[in-house]
PDB file of N, CA and C in Angstrom:
ATOM      1  N   MET A   1      -0.051   8.790  -9.147  1.00  0.00           N
ATOM      2  CA  MET A   1      -0.279   9.545  -8.361  1.00  0.00           C
ATOM      3  C   MET A   1       0.299   8.718  -7.230  1.00  0.00           C
ATOM      4  N   TYR A   2       0.970   9.250  -6.168  1.00  0.00           N
ATOM      5  CA  TYR A   2       1.639   8.312  -5.522  1.00  0.00           C
ATOM      6  C   TYR A   2       0.583   8.701  -3.114  1.00  0.00           C
ATOM      7  N   LEU A   3       0.768   7.187  -2.629  1.00  0.00           N
ATOM      8  CA  LEU A   3      -0.081   7.721  -1.278  1.00  0.00           C
ATOM      9  C   LEU A   3       1.238   6.947  -0.096  1.00  0.00           C
ATOM     10  N   SER A   4       1.333   7.976   0.727  1.00  0.00           N
ATOM     11  CA  SER A   4       1.875   7.397   1.718  1.00  0.00           C
ATOM     12  C   SER A   4       1.576   6.321   2.311  1.00  0.00           C
ATOM     13  N   ASP A   5       3.004   6.185   3.104  1.00  0.00           N
ATOM     14  CA  ASP A   5       1.848   4.855   3.546  1.00  0.00           C
ATOM     15  C   ASP A   5       0.369   5.348   4.575  1.00  0.00           C
ATOM     16  N   LYS A   6       0.155   6.278   5.346  1.00  0.00           N
ATOM     17  CA  LYS A   6      -0.441   7.162   5.976  1.00  0.00           C
ATOM     18  C   LYS A   6      -1.205   6.960   4.882  1.00  0.00           C
ATOM     19  N   GLN A   7      -1.882   7.570   4.025  1.00  0.00           N
ATOM     20  CA  GLN A   7      -3.043   7.814   3.204  1.00  0.00           C
ATOM     21  C   GLN A   7      -2.927   6.042   2.258  1.00  0.00           C
ATOM     22  N   ALA A   8      -1.691   5.739   2.071  1.00  0.00           N
ATOM     23  CA  ALA A   8      -2.583   3.669   2.311  1.00  0.00           C
ATOM     24  C   ALA A   8      -2.889   2.698   2.972  1.00  0.00           C
ATOM     25  N   ALA A   9      -2.974   3.246   4.416  1.00  0.00           N
ATOM     26  CA  ALA A   9      -3.426   2.859   5.750  1.00  0.00           C
ATOM     27  C   ALA A   9      -4.431   2.795   5.832  1.00  0.00           C
ATOM     28  N   ALA A  10      -4.900   4.319   5.114  1.00  0.00           N
ATOM     29  CA  ALA A  10      -6.184   5.074   5.703  1.00  0.00           C
ATOM     30  C   ALA A  10      -7.290   3.897   4.157  1.00  0.00           C
ATOM     31  N   ARG A  11      -6.577   3.828   3.476  1.00  0.00           N
ATOM     32  CA  ARG A  11      -7.483   2.967   2.311  1.00  0.00           C
ATOM     33  C   ARG A  11      -8.056   1.908   2.740  1.00  0.00           C
ATOM     34  N   PHE A  12      -7.394   1.055   3.633  1.00  0.00           N
ATOM     35  CA  PHE A  12      -7.745   0.574   3.810  1.00  0.00           C
ATOM     36  C   PHE A  12      -7.903  -0.476   5.434  1.00  0.00           C
ATOM     37  N   SER A  13      -7.914   1.119   5.946  1.00  0.00           N
ATOM     38  CA  SER A  13      -8.190   1.019   7.175  1.00  0.00           C
ATOM     39  C   SER A  13      -7.423   0.092   8.164  1.00  0.00           C
ATOM     40  N   VAL A  14      -6.328  -0.088   8.477  1.00  0.00           N
ATOM     41  CA  VAL A  14      -5.227  -0.357   9.022  1.00  0.00           C
ATOM     42  C   VAL A  14      -4.515   0.284   9.347  1.00  0.00           C
ATOM     43  N   SER A  15      -3.611  -0.276  10.176  1.00  0.00           N
ATOM     44  CA  SER A  15      -2.387   0.799  10.592  1.00  0.00           C
ATOM     45  C   SER A  15      -1.173   0.872   9.529  1.00  0.00           C
ATOM     46  N   ARG A  16      -0.247   1.770   9.649  1.00  0.00           N
ATOM     47  CA  ARG A  16       0.852   2.080   8.808  1.00  0.00           C
ATOM     48  C   ARG A  16       1.547   0.592   9.001  1.00  0.00           C
ATOM     49  N   ILE A  17       1.940   0.012  10.658  1.00  0.00           N
ATOM     50  CA  ILE A  17       2.362  -0.609  10.361  1.00  0.00           C
ATOM     51  C   ILE A  17       2.278  -1.568   9.217  1.00  0.00           C
ATOM     52  N   THR A  18       0.927  -1.972   9.520  1.00  0.00           N
ATOM     53  CA  THR A  18       0.340  -2.953   8.687  1.00  0.00           C
ATOM     54  C   THR A  18       0.918  -2.626   7.177  1.00  0.00           C
ATOM     55  N   ILE A  19       0.462  -1.749   6.715  1.00  0.00           N
ATOM     56  CA  ILE A  19       1.309  -1.468   4.972  1.00  0.00           C
ATOM     57  C   ILE A  19       2.759  -2.029   5.208  1.00  0.00           C
ATOM     58  N   TRP A  20       3.833  -1.692   5.755  1.00  0.00           N
ATOM     59  CA  TRP A  20       5.087  -1.748   5.932  1.00  0.00           C
ATOM     60  C   TRP A  20       4.898  -3.505   5.909  1.00  0.00           C
ATOM     61  N   ARG A  21       4.270  -4.237   6.751  1.00  0.00           N
ATOM     62  CA  ARG A  21       4.479  -5.266   6.974  1.00  0.00           C
ATOM     63  C   ARG A  21       4.104  -6.385   6.036  1.00  0.00           C
ATOM     64  N   TRP A  22       2.690  -5.898   5.122  1.00  0.00           N
ATOM     65  CA  TRP A  22       1.956  -6.490   3.967  1.00  0.00           C
ATOM     66  C   TRP A  22       3.444  -6.194   2.740  1.00  0.00           C
ATOM     67  N   ALA A  23       4.231  -4.551   2.495  1.00  0.00           N
ATOM     68  CA  ALA A  23       4.578  -4.963   1.658  1.00  0.00           C
ATOM     69  C   ALA A  23       6.336  -5.619   2.076  1.00  0.00           C
ATOM     70  N   ARG A  24       6.587  -6.131   2.996  1.00  0.00           N
ATOM     71  CA  ARG A  24       8.272  -7.306   3.292  1.00  0.00           C
ATOM     72  C   ARG A  24       7.300  -8.506   2.968  1.00  0.00           C
ATOM     73  N   GLU A  25       5.744  -8.703   3.156  1.00  0.00           N
ATOM     74  CA  GLU A  25       6.064 -10.209   3.837  1.00  0.00           C
ATOM     75  C   GLU A  25       4.860 -10.798   2.858  1.00  0.00           C
ATOM     76  N   THR A  26       3.666 -10.094   1.752  1.00  0.00           N
ATOM     77  CA  THR A  26       3.461 -10.679   1.479  1.00  0.00           C
ATOM     78  C   THR A  26       3.135  -9.555  -0.533  1.00  0.00           C
ATOM     79  N   ASP A  27       2.343  -9.804  -1.076  1.00  0.00           N
ATOM     80  CA  ASP A  27       2.784  -9.427  -2.708  1.00  0.00           C
ATOM     81  C   ASP A  27       2.320  -7.938  -3.401  1.00  0.00           C
ATOM     82  N   PHE A  28       2.048  -7.478  -1.674  1.00  0.00           N
ATOM     83  CA  PHE A  28       1.661  -5.377  -1.635  1.00  0.00           C
ATOM     84  C   PHE A  28       2.690  -4.695  -2.532  1.00  0.00           C
ATOM     85  N   PRO A  29       2.265  -3.766  -3.131  1.00  0.00           N
ATOM     86  CA  PRO A  29       3.707  -3.891  -4.229  1.00  0.00           C
ATOM     87  C   PRO A  29       4.552  -3.311  -3.285  1.00  0.00           C
ATOM     88  N   SER A  30       5.883  -3.518  -3.395  1.00  0.00           N
ATOM     89  CA  SER A  30       6.767  -2.400  -3.011  1.00  0.00           C
ATOM     90  C   SER A  30       7.082  -0.961  -3.125  1.00  0.00           C
ATOM     91  N   PRO A  31       7.919   0.170  -1.691  1.00  0.00           N
ATOM     92  CA  PRO A  31       7.754   1.345  -1.705  1.00  0.00           C
ATOM     93  C   PRO A  31       8.387   1.713  -2.605  1.00  0.00           C
ATOM     94  N   ILE A  32       8.284   2.959  -3.141  1.00  0.00           N
ATOM     95  CA  ILE A  32       8.945   4.004  -4.238  1.00  0.00           C
ATOM     96  C   ILE A  32      10.282   4.560  -2.713  1.00  0.00           C
ATOM     97  N   GLN A  33      11.359   4.384  -3.097  1.00  0.00           N
ATOM     98  CA  GLN A  33      11.854   6.023  -2.667  1.00  0.00           C
ATOM     99  C   GLN A  33      11.998   6.966  -3.147  1.00  0.00           C
ATOM    100  N   LEU A  34      11.401   8.357  -3.039  1.00  0.00           N
ATOM    101  CA  LEU A  34      11.119   9.616  -4.203  1.00  0.00           C
ATOM    102  C   LEU A  34      12.995  10.382  -3.384  1.00  0.00           C
ATOM    103  N   SER A  35      13.130  10.599  -2.114  1.00  0.00           N
ATOM    104  CA  SER A  35      14.435  10.564  -1.918  1.00  0.00           C
ATOM    105  C   SER A  35      14.489  10.425  -0.626  1.00  0.00           C
ATOM    106  N   PRO A  36      15.529  10.785  -0.043  1.00  0.00           N
ATOM    107  CA  PRO A  36      15.368  11.160   1.584  1.00  0.00           C
ATOM    108  C   PRO A  36      14.621  11.007   2.210  1.00  0.00           C
ATOM    109  N   GLY A  37      14.324  10.020   3.124  1.00  0.00           N
ATOM    110  CA  GLY A  37      12.999  10.352   4.236  1.00  0.00           C
ATOM    111  C   GLY A  37      11.299  10.416   3.580  1.00  0.00           C
ATOM    112  N   CYS A  38      11.766  10.079   2.090  1.00  0.00           N
ATOM    113  CA  CYS A  38      10.210   9.701   1.746  1.00  0.00           C
ATOM    114  C   CYS A  38       9.808   8.936   0.905  1.00  0.00           C
ATOM    115  N   THR A  39       9.253   8.039   1.003  1.00  0.00           N
ATOM    116  CA  THR A  39       8.712   6.710   0.361  1.00  0.00           C
ATOM    117  C   THR A  39       7.574   6.935   0.699  1.00  0.00           C
ATOM    118  N   ARG A  40       6.951   6.748  -0.957  1.00  0.00           N
ATOM    119  CA  ARG A  40       5.457   6.112  -1.510  1.00  0.00           C
ATOM    120  C   ARG A  40       5.251   5.038  -2.384  1.00  0.00           C
ATOM    121  N   TRP A  41       4.497   4.649  -2.336  1.00  0.00           N
ATOM    122  CA  TRP A  41       3.660   3.937  -3.251  1.00  0.00           C
ATOM    123  C   TRP A  41       2.783   4.026  -4.589  1.00  0.00           C
ATOM    124  N   LYS A  42       3.027   4.083  -5.652  1.00  0.00           N
ATOM    125  CA  LYS A  42       2.055   4.308  -6.366  1.00  0.00           C
ATOM    126  C   LYS A  42       0.597   3.956  -6.703  1.00  0.00           C
ATOM    127  N   LEU A  43       0.028   4.520  -6.864  1.00  0.00           N
ATOM    128  CA  LEU A  43      -1.636   4.667  -6.601  1.00  0.00           C
ATOM    129  C   LEU A  43      -1.466   3.261  -7.585  1.00  0.00           C
ATOM    130  N   ALA A  44      -1.415   3.155  -8.850  1.00  0.00           N
ATOM    131  CA  ALA A  44      -1.736   2.160  -9.379  1.00  0.00           C
ATOM    132  C   ALA A  44      -1.574   1.586  -8.981  1.00  0.00           C
ATOM    133  N   GLU A  45      -0.285   0.396  -8.668  1.00  0.00           N
ATOM    134  CA  GLU A  45       0.314  -0.617  -8.395  1.00  0.00           C
ATOM    135  C   GLU A  45      -0.955  -1.169  -7.398  1.00  0.00           C
ATOM    136  N   ILE A  46      -1.088   0.037  -6.559  1.00  0.00           N
ATOM    137  CA  ILE A  46      -2.084  -0.784  -5.194  1.00  0.00           C
ATOM    138  C   ILE A  46      -3.409  -0.479  -5.910  1.00  0.00           C
ATOM    139  N   GLU A  47      -4.025   0.306  -6.678  1.00  0.00           N
ATOM    140  CA  GLU A  47      -5.407  -0.339  -7.380  1.00  0.00           C
ATOM    141  C   GLU A  47      -5.580  -1.932  -8.708  1.00  0.00           C
ATOM    142  N   GLY A  48      -4.271  -2.055  -8.981  1.00  0.00           N
ATOM    143  CA  GLY A  48      -3.677  -2.850  -9.733  1.00  0.00           C
ATOM    144  C   GLY A  48      -4.255  -4.508  -8.257  1.00  0.00           C
ATOM    145  N   TRP A  49      -3.187  -4.111  -7.104  1.00  0.00           N
ATOM    146  CA  TRP A  49      -3.045  -5.704  -6.362  1.00  0.00           C
ATOM    147  C   TRP A  49      -4.608  -5.527  -5.789  1.00  0.00           C
ATOM    148  N   GLU A  50      -4.880  -4.741  -5.259  1.00  0.00           N
ATOM    149  CA  GLU A  50      -6.051  -4.539  -4.858  1.00  0.00           C
ATOM    150  C   GLU A  50      -7.240  -4.958  -5.660  1.00  0.00           C
ATOM    151  N   SER A  51      -7.195  -4.878  -6.950  1.00  0.00           N
ATOM    152  CA  SER A  51      -8.237  -5.593  -8.028  1.00  0.00           C
ATOM    153  C   SER A  51      -8.279  -6.973  -7.579  1.00  0.00           C
ATOM    154  N   GLN A  52      -6.955  -7.777  -7.826  1.00  0.00           N
ATOM    155  CA  GLN A  52      -6.425  -9.174  -7.397  1.00  0.00           C
ATOM    156  C   GLN A  52      -7.104  -9.525  -6.217  1.00  0.00           C
ATOM    157  N   ARG A  53      -7.660  -8.719  -5.241  1.00  0.00           N
ATOM    158  CA  ARG A  53      -7.531  -9.244  -3.978  1.00  0.00           C
ATOM    159  C   ARG A  53      -8.966 -10.411  -4.132  1.00  0.00           C
ATOM    160  N   PRO A  54      -8.876 -11.074  -3.338  1.00  0.00           N
ATOM    161  CA  PRO A  54     -10.881 -11.871  -3.051  1.00  0.00           C
ATOM    162  C   PRO A  54     -11.455 -11.251  -2.592  1.00  0.00           C
ATOM    163  N   LYS A  55     -12.661 -11.041  -3.087  1.00  0.00           N
ATOM    164  CA  LYS A  55     -13.917 -10.155  -2.090  1.00  0.00           C
ATOM    165  C   LYS A  55     -14.527 -10.276  -1.324  1.00  0.00           C
ATOM    166  N   VAL A  56     -14.763  -9.651  -0.773  1.00  0.00           N
ATOM    167  CA  VAL A  56     -14.850 -10.465   1.078  1.00  0.00           C
ATOM    168  C   VAL A  56     -16.393 -10.079   1.368  1.00  0.00           C
ATOM    169  N   ALA A  57     -17.913 -10.642   0.998  1.00  0.00           N
ATOM    170  CA  ALA A  57     -18.995 -10.429   1.263  1.00  0.00           C
ATOM    171  C   ALA A  57     -19.568  -9.467   2.895  1.00  0.00           C
ATOM    172  N   ALA A  58     -20.245  -8.671   2.361  1.00  0.00           N
ATOM    173  CA  ALA A  58     -20.381  -7.597   3.695  1.00  0.00           C
ATOM    174  C   ALA A  58     -21.631  -8.114   3.981  1.00  0.00           C
TER     175      ALA A  58
END
């Protein structure tokens, strides 16, 4: 399954710009270009990245 930048942003309650910045500047998974104008992230890679993040106390 793939997520768009909008879906990834909603998952983490951040903006779409933040998702692209994370992909460029951090260890956030790199996007995959499926076709011209269609870039997505693999859900499994995002889940793996998410599981490696430090847990924040609520």
